[in-house]
């Protein structure tokens, strides 16, 4: 495989790892009802059709982590067409943390954008 493709895949994987929790909390914040993993994955795909897909299997550990931190709650309901489904809902703490993470994201994005554009705020040169 082309070296560029491998390098880009690795970069995208690392970038996804750092943003999945923010994406999941954001999706859950505008969800009008509790959602299960497969439905969450489809919603993310629909928003970012041109973005590389977040693998559904990678979402579950992050969902569990967010729940153990108290940012999501869940319940298990039986499913007619298969195994029981775990439905997630954002908690009040999750909404508060999401607000803080959005601020951190915007600060980080602004910093990275400035670096990529080659902007310098060093007035001593």
Protein backbone atom coordinates (compact mmCIF):
# COMPACT_ATOMS: atom_id res chain seq x y z
CA UNK A 1 0.00 0.00 0.00
CA UNK A 2 1.13 3.55 -0.70
CA UNK A 3 3.12 5.10 2.17
CA UNK A 4 0.98 8.25 2.02
CA UNK A 5 -2.18 6.22 2.57
CA UNK A 6 -0.68 4.43 5.60
CA UNK A 7 0.58 7.68 7.14
CA UNK A 8 -2.77 9.40 6.55
CA UNK A 9 -4.67 6.44 8.06
CA UNK A 10 -2.50 6.56 11.18
CA UNK A 11 -2.99 10.33 11.53
CA UNK A 12 -6.78 9.99 11.06
CA UNK A 13 -6.91 7.18 13.64
CA UNK A 14 -5.05 9.31 16.20
CA UNK A 15 -7.23 12.33 15.45
CA UNK A 16 -10.41 10.24 15.79
CA UNK A 17 -9.24 8.83 19.11
CA UNK A 18 -9.00 12.33 20.53
CA UNK A 19 -12.33 13.57 19.22
CA UNK A 20 -14.70 10.60 19.56
CA UNK A 21 -15.81 11.50 23.10
CA UNK A 22 -16.57 15.09 22.05
CA UNK A 23 -18.51 13.87 19.00
CA UNK A 24 -20.50 11.33 21.05
CA UNK A 25 -21.43 13.81 23.77
CA UNK A 26 -22.44 16.34 21.10
CA UNK A 27 -24.68 13.83 19.33
CA UNK A 28 -26.25 12.81 22.62
CA UNK A 29 -26.86 16.46 23.55
CA UNK A 30 -29.13 17.05 20.54
CA UNK A 31 -30.75 13.60 20.55
CA UNK A 32 -34.45 13.85 21.33
CA UNK A 33 -34.58 10.33 22.78
CA UNK A 34 -32.21 7.71 24.19
CA UNK A 35 -30.01 6.18 21.47
CA UNK A 36 -28.23 2.85 21.06
CA UNK A 37 -24.76 2.40 19.56
CA UNK A 38 -25.73 1.47 15.99
CA UNK A 39 -28.14 4.42 15.75
CA UNK A 40 -25.47 6.79 17.11
CA UNK A 41 -23.00 5.51 14.50
CA UNK A 42 -25.54 6.11 11.69
CA UNK A 43 -26.25 9.66 12.90
CA UNK A 44 -22.53 10.43 12.91
CA UNK A 45 -22.17 9.03 9.39
CA UNK A 46 -25.09 11.13 8.15
CA UNK A 47 -23.54 14.33 9.50
CA UNK A 48 -20.06 13.67 8.10
CA UNK A 49 -20.65 11.84 4.84
CA UNK A 50 -17.30 12.98 3.41
CA UNK A 51 -15.37 12.25 6.60
CA UNK A 52 -13.73 8.87 7.21
CA UNK A 53 -16.18 6.70 9.09
CA UNK A 54 -15.79 6.22 12.82
CA UNK A 55 -15.85 2.49 13.27
CA UNK A 56 -18.90 1.43 15.24
CA UNK A 57 -16.81 -0.95 17.36
CA UNK A 58 -14.63 1.96 18.44
CA UNK A 59 -17.65 3.86 19.76
CA UNK A 60 -18.66 1.31 22.40
CA UNK A 61 -15.57 1.62 24.63
CA UNK A 62 -15.96 5.41 24.55
CA UNK A 63 -19.68 5.16 25.36
CA UNK A 64 -18.83 2.91 28.34
CA UNK A 65 -16.11 5.30 29.46
CA UNK A 66 -18.46 8.30 29.24
CA UNK A 67 -21.03 6.37 31.26
CA UNK A 68 -18.53 5.35 33.94
CA UNK A 69 -17.53 9.03 34.24
CA UNK A 70 -21.18 9.95 34.82
CA UNK A 71 -21.53 11.85 31.54
CA UNK A 72 -24.03 9.37 30.07
CA UNK A 73 -26.55 7.05 31.64
CA UNK A 74 -27.91 3.91 30.02
CA UNK A 75 -30.63 1.32 30.20
CA UNK A 76 -30.97 -2.06 28.51
CA UNK A 77 -34.16 -2.87 26.61
CA UNK A 78 -35.05 -6.14 24.93
CA UNK A 79 -34.98 -6.09 21.13
CA UNK A 80 -37.45 -7.88 18.88
CA UNK A 81 -34.85 -8.50 16.17
CA UNK A 82 -31.81 -9.55 18.19
CA UNK A 83 -29.95 -9.17 21.47
CA UNK A 84 -31.00 -6.52 24.02
CA UNK A 85 -29.98 -2.95 23.19
CA UNK A 86 -28.29 -0.50 25.53
CA UNK A 87 -29.81 2.97 25.16
CA UNK A 88 -27.76 6.01 26.22
CA UNK A 89 -28.85 9.43 27.46
CA UNK A 90 -26.66 12.42 28.30
CA UNK A 91 -26.68 13.46 31.97
CA UNK A 92 -26.67 17.00 33.37
CA UNK A 93 -22.98 16.53 34.21
CA UNK A 94 -22.46 15.41 30.61
CA UNK A 95 -24.05 18.64 29.34
CA UNK A 96 -21.85 20.73 31.65
CA UNK A 97 -18.68 18.90 30.60
CA UNK A 98 -19.68 19.13 26.93
CA UNK A 99 -19.84 22.92 27.26
CA UNK A 100 -16.33 22.94 28.71
CA UNK A 101 -15.04 20.55 26.04
CA UNK A 102 -16.52 22.76 23.29
CA UNK A 103 -14.56 25.71 24.69
CA UNK A 104 -11.38 23.62 24.80
CA UNK A 105 -12.04 22.41 21.24
CA UNK A 106 -12.48 25.95 19.89
CA UNK A 107 -9.32 27.14 21.65
CA UNK A 108 -7.36 24.15 20.34
CA UNK A 109 -8.77 24.50 16.83
CA UNK A 110 -7.91 28.21 16.77
CA UNK A 111 -4.36 27.47 17.91
CA UNK A 112 -3.86 24.69 15.35
CA UNK A 113 -5.38 26.78 12.54
CA UNK A 114 -2.99 29.64 13.37
CA UNK A 115 0.00 27.27 13.38
CA UNK A 116 -1.04 25.68 10.07
CA UNK A 117 -1.43 29.13 8.50
CA UNK A 118 2.05 30.01 9.78
CA UNK A 119 0.85 32.87 11.94
CA UNK A 120 3.18 34.02 14.67
CA UNK A 121 2.21 36.11 17.65
CA UNK A 122 5.85 36.69 18.60
CA UNK A 123 6.26 40.46 18.50
CA UNK A 124 9.94 40.27 19.45
CA UNK A 125 11.25 39.34 16.00
